[in-house]
Protein backbone atom coordinates (compact mmCIF):
# COMPACT_ATOMS: atom_id res chain seq x y z
CA MET A 1 -20.05 -9.04 -9.02
CA THR A 2 -16.34 -9.64 -8.41
CA PRO A 3 -15.48 -9.63 -4.69
CA LEU A 4 -13.34 -6.77 -3.46
CA GLY A 5 -9.89 -7.83 -2.39
CA PRO A 6 -7.10 -9.97 -3.82
CA ILE A 7 -6.58 -13.68 -4.26
CA LEU A 8 -3.07 -14.86 -3.34
CA VAL A 9 -1.57 -17.57 -5.56
CA VAL A 10 1.48 -19.37 -4.12
CA GLU A 11 3.41 -21.51 -6.62
CA ASP A 12 7.13 -22.01 -7.27
CA ILE A 13 6.83 -23.19 -10.89
CA LEU A 14 6.70 -20.00 -12.92
CA ASN A 15 4.63 -21.18 -15.88
CA VAL A 16 1.98 -22.69 -13.56
CA LEU A 17 1.93 -19.49 -11.49
CA GLU A 18 1.46 -17.37 -14.62
CA LEU A 19 -1.32 -19.63 -15.92
CA LEU A 20 -3.27 -19.39 -12.66
CA GLU A 21 -2.73 -15.64 -12.45
CA VAL A 22 -3.88 -15.01 -16.04
CA THR A 23 -6.89 -17.31 -15.59
CA LEU A 24 -8.05 -15.43 -12.49
CA ARG A 25 -7.33 -11.95 -13.86
CA PHE A 26 -9.28 -12.77 -17.03
CA LYS A 27 -12.34 -13.31 -14.82
CA GLY A 28 -11.80 -9.96 -13.11
CA TYR A 29 -10.14 -11.03 -9.87
CA GLN A 30 -7.34 -9.07 -8.25
CA VAL A 31 -4.33 -11.37 -7.90
CA LEU A 32 -1.19 -11.35 -5.75
CA THR A 33 1.54 -13.94 -6.31
CA ALA A 34 4.28 -15.58 -4.23
CA ARG A 35 6.87 -18.25 -5.03
CA ASN A 36 6.92 -19.97 -1.61
CA GLY A 37 5.22 -19.98 1.76
CA GLN A 38 7.56 -17.48 3.41
CA GLU A 39 7.04 -14.98 0.60
CA ALA A 40 3.30 -15.52 0.97
CA LEU A 41 3.41 -14.74 4.71
CA ASN A 42 5.31 -11.53 3.99
CA ILE A 43 2.61 -10.47 1.53
CA ILE A 44 -0.24 -11.42 3.88
CA ALA A 45 1.34 -9.32 6.64
CA MET A 46 0.81 -6.28 4.39
CA GLN A 47 -2.51 -7.18 2.75
CA THR A 48 -5.02 -9.85 3.78
CA PRO A 49 -6.25 -11.87 0.78
CA LEU A 50 -9.80 -13.16 0.35
CA LEU A 51 -8.44 -16.58 -0.62
CA VAL A 52 -5.09 -18.38 -0.68
CA ILE A 53 -4.44 -20.87 -3.49
CA THR A 54 -1.23 -22.74 -2.81
CA ASP A 55 0.93 -25.53 -4.14
CA ILE A 56 2.29 -27.93 -1.51
CA LEU A 57 5.83 -28.90 -2.57
CA MET A 58 7.81 -25.62 -2.55
CA PRO A 59 11.24 -24.46 -1.30
CA LYS A 60 11.78 -22.40 1.90
CA MET A 61 8.27 -23.07 3.21
CA ASP A 62 5.81 -25.45 1.60
CA GLY A 63 2.02 -25.32 1.44
CA PHE A 64 1.38 -27.51 4.48
CA ALA A 65 3.58 -25.32 6.69
CA LEU A 66 2.00 -22.16 5.24
CA ALA A 67 -1.52 -23.44 5.98
CA HIS A 68 -0.59 -24.38 9.54
CA LYS A 69 0.87 -20.93 10.21
CA LEU A 70 -2.24 -19.26 8.81
CA ARG A 71 -4.54 -21.40 10.94
CA VAL A 72 -2.74 -20.87 14.27
CA ALA A 73 -2.74 -17.05 13.90
CA PRO A 74 -6.12 -15.51 14.91
CA ASN A 75 -5.93 -12.75 12.29
CA THR A 76 -5.47 -15.19 9.37
CA ARG A 77 -7.41 -18.23 10.63
CA HIS A 78 -10.49 -17.28 8.61
CA ILE A 79 -8.78 -17.12 5.18
CA PRO A 80 -9.99 -19.96 2.90
CA ILE A 81 -7.23 -22.16 1.45
CA ILE A 82 -7.24 -24.23 -1.74
CA PHE A 83 -4.43 -26.75 -2.09
CA LEU A 84 -3.11 -27.65 -5.54
CA SER A 85 -0.70 -30.56 -5.95
CA ALA A 86 0.69 -33.03 -8.44
CA THR A 87 2.79 -34.76 -5.76
CA TYR A 88 0.66 -35.02 -2.59
CA ILE A 89 -2.40 -36.79 -4.00
CA THR A 90 -2.93 -39.89 -1.83
CA PRO A 91 -6.06 -40.10 0.34
CA GLU A 92 -3.80 -39.65 3.40
CA ASP A 93 -2.29 -36.49 1.88
CA LYS A 94 -5.75 -35.07 1.22
CA ALA A 95 -6.98 -35.97 4.70
CA PHE A 96 -4.00 -34.18 6.26
CA ALA A 97 -4.64 -31.13 4.04
CA LEU A 98 -8.26 -30.98 5.21
CA SER A 99 -7.18 -31.37 8.84
CA LEU A 100 -5.23 -28.14 8.33
CA GLY A 101 -8.44 -26.37 7.38
CA ALA A 102 -8.23 -26.43 3.57
CA VAL A 103 -11.61 -25.91 1.92
CA ARG A 104 -10.64 -27.64 -1.35
CA PHE A 105 -7.92 -29.95 -2.65
CA MET A 106 -7.34 -30.03 -6.41
CA GLU A 107 -4.92 -32.21 -8.34
CA LYS A 108 -2.66 -30.85 -11.05
CA PRO A 109 -2.94 -30.37 -13.94
CA VAL A 110 -5.84 -28.17 -12.91
CA ASP A 111 -9.07 -28.24 -14.90
CA THR A 112 -9.60 -24.51 -15.57
CA GLU A 113 -13.41 -24.59 -15.52
CA GLU A 114 -13.54 -26.62 -12.30
CA PHE A 115 -10.91 -24.32 -10.77
CA LEU A 116 -12.88 -21.16 -11.54
CA ILE A 117 -16.15 -22.67 -10.31
CA SER A 118 -14.47 -23.66 -7.04
CA VAL A 119 -13.00 -20.17 -6.58
CA GLY A 120 -16.39 -18.58 -7.26
CA GLU A 121 -18.18 -20.89 -4.81
CA ILE A 122 -15.67 -20.26 -2.03
CA LEU A 123 -15.75 -16.48 -2.43
CA THR A 124 -19.57 -16.31 -2.35
CA GLN A 125 -20.35 -18.85 0.40
CA GLY A 126 -19.63 -16.49 3.29
CA PRO A 127 -17.40 -17.08 6.32
CA ILE A 128 -15.86 -20.54 6.48
CA THR A 129 -15.87 -22.89 9.44
CA VAL A 130 -12.39 -24.24 10.13
CA PRO A 131 -11.34 -27.00 12.54
CA GLU A 132 -9.33 -26.20 15.62
CA PRO A 133 -5.68 -25.79 14.62
CA LEU A 134 -3.45 -28.80 15.19
CA SER A 135 -0.92 -28.48 17.98
CA GLU A 136 2.67 -28.00 16.86
CA ARG A 137 3.51 -31.61 17.66
CA GLU A 138 0.37 -32.98 15.92
CA PHE A 139 1.25 -30.96 12.84
CA TYR A 140 4.88 -32.10 12.83
CA LEU A 141 3.89 -35.78 13.23
CA GLY A 142 1.32 -35.67 10.43
CA TYR A 143 3.69 -33.73 8.21
CA ARG A 144 6.48 -36.22 8.91
CA ASP A 145 4.27 -39.12 7.83
CA ARG A 146 3.41 -37.38 4.56
CA LEU A 147 7.05 -36.60 3.80
CA GLU A 148 8.27 -40.10 4.66
CA GLY A 149 5.67 -41.58 2.33
CA LYS A 150 6.69 -39.19 -0.41
CA LEU A 151 10.38 -39.96 0.07
CA HIS A 152 9.69 -43.70 -0.24
CA HIS A 153 7.76 -43.11 -3.46
CA LYS A 154 10.48 -40.84 -4.85
CA ASN A 155 13.23 -43.37 -4.09
CA ALA A 156 11.27 -46.09 -5.90
CA GLN A 157 10.75 -43.77 -8.89
CA ILE A 158 14.47 -42.95 -9.05
CA PHE A 159 15.42 -46.64 -8.84
CA ARG A 160 13.06 -47.54 -11.69
CA THR A 161 14.30 -44.67 -13.86
CA GLU A 162 17.96 -45.55 -13.23
CA ARG A 163 17.28 -49.16 -14.17
CA LEU A 164 15.37 -48.12 -17.31
CA LEU A 165 18.16 -45.81 -18.47
CA LYS A 166 20.55 -48.76 -18.74
CA THR A 167 18.30 -50.40 -21.34
CA LEU A 168 17.40 -47.39 -23.50
CA PRO A 169 18.99 -46.51 -26.83
CA SER A 170 21.08 -43.33 -26.69
CA GLU A 171 18.55 -41.16 -28.54
CA GLN A 172 15.89 -41.83 -25.90
CA ARG A 173 18.07 -41.21 -22.87
CA PRO A 174 18.10 -37.37 -22.62
CA ALA A 175 14.40 -37.08 -21.70
CA PHE A 176 14.72 -39.74 -19.00
CA GLU A 177 17.96 -38.23 -17.72
CA ASP A 178 16.12 -34.92 -17.27
CA MET A 179 13.32 -36.76 -15.47
CA LEU A 180 15.87 -38.46 -13.22
CA ALA A 181 17.60 -35.16 -12.39
CA GLU A 182 14.26 -33.57 -11.45
CA ALA A 183 13.32 -36.55 -9.28
CA ARG A 184 16.66 -36.40 -7.46
CA LEU A 185 16.16 -32.68 -6.86
CA HIS A 186 12.71 -33.34 -5.39
CA ARG A 187 14.18 -36.09 -3.22
CA GLU A 188 16.77 -33.65 -1.85
CA GLU A 189 14.04 -31.11 -1.04
CA ILE A 190 11.93 -33.75 0.72
CA GLN A 191 14.91 -35.10 2.67
CA ARG A 192 15.96 -31.59 3.71
CA GLU A 193 12.45 -30.85 4.97
CA LEU A 194 12.36 -34.19 6.80
CA ASN A 195 15.65 -33.47 8.53
CA ASN A 196 14.25 -30.15 9.73
CA LEU A 197 11.12 -31.91 10.98
CA TYR A 198 13.07 -34.54 12.88
CA GLN A 199 14.88 -31.74 14.70
CA LEU A 200 11.63 -29.91 15.46
CA LEU A 201 10.05 -33.11 16.78
CA GLU A 202 13.05 -33.70 19.01
CA ASN A 203 12.62 -30.18 20.39
CA THR A 204 8.89 -30.67 21.08
CA ARG A 205 9.17 -34.15 22.61
CA GLU A 206 7.12 -34.40 25.76
């Protein structure tokens, strides 16, 4: 029997969002969607979902920040969270995600069968046990470490792509130029989030 109540899917890439929504609806689940963490919080304020499935790297408010806000609020602390990510996939990233109370961490591209099994298990296992929420400063420090690691990786990727472009024949360049533009955009998003974090850490310094 399909549980009563919606699943909230939070994802900024439209085709991935639509795929997850269609996959869940096909199995009979009610689905709500949001394009970033702030939009998700606005939806949750009006209707509490049974489960939140969220990407991590998103504009305005990413998945880590969304999870932290859900865990520190008593009325949303119990909501299970599944993280999906193609970017934050190191063991340290996954450990930080679990410290925020995530019940699952799945890498993209998502295996549809494994995804549906995980959703079914979570929705039928009863109330979840979540760790005590991190303090604001603990969250900011852990989040900073994840972002700094991701920025280092992104800078190395951009450097390699720039170097490769100089050696490619003209007909092969457009695809790599698109890849480079996307990587630079991601780097800007990560740097912007880091700058915000540095300011927050300065404000919470003991």
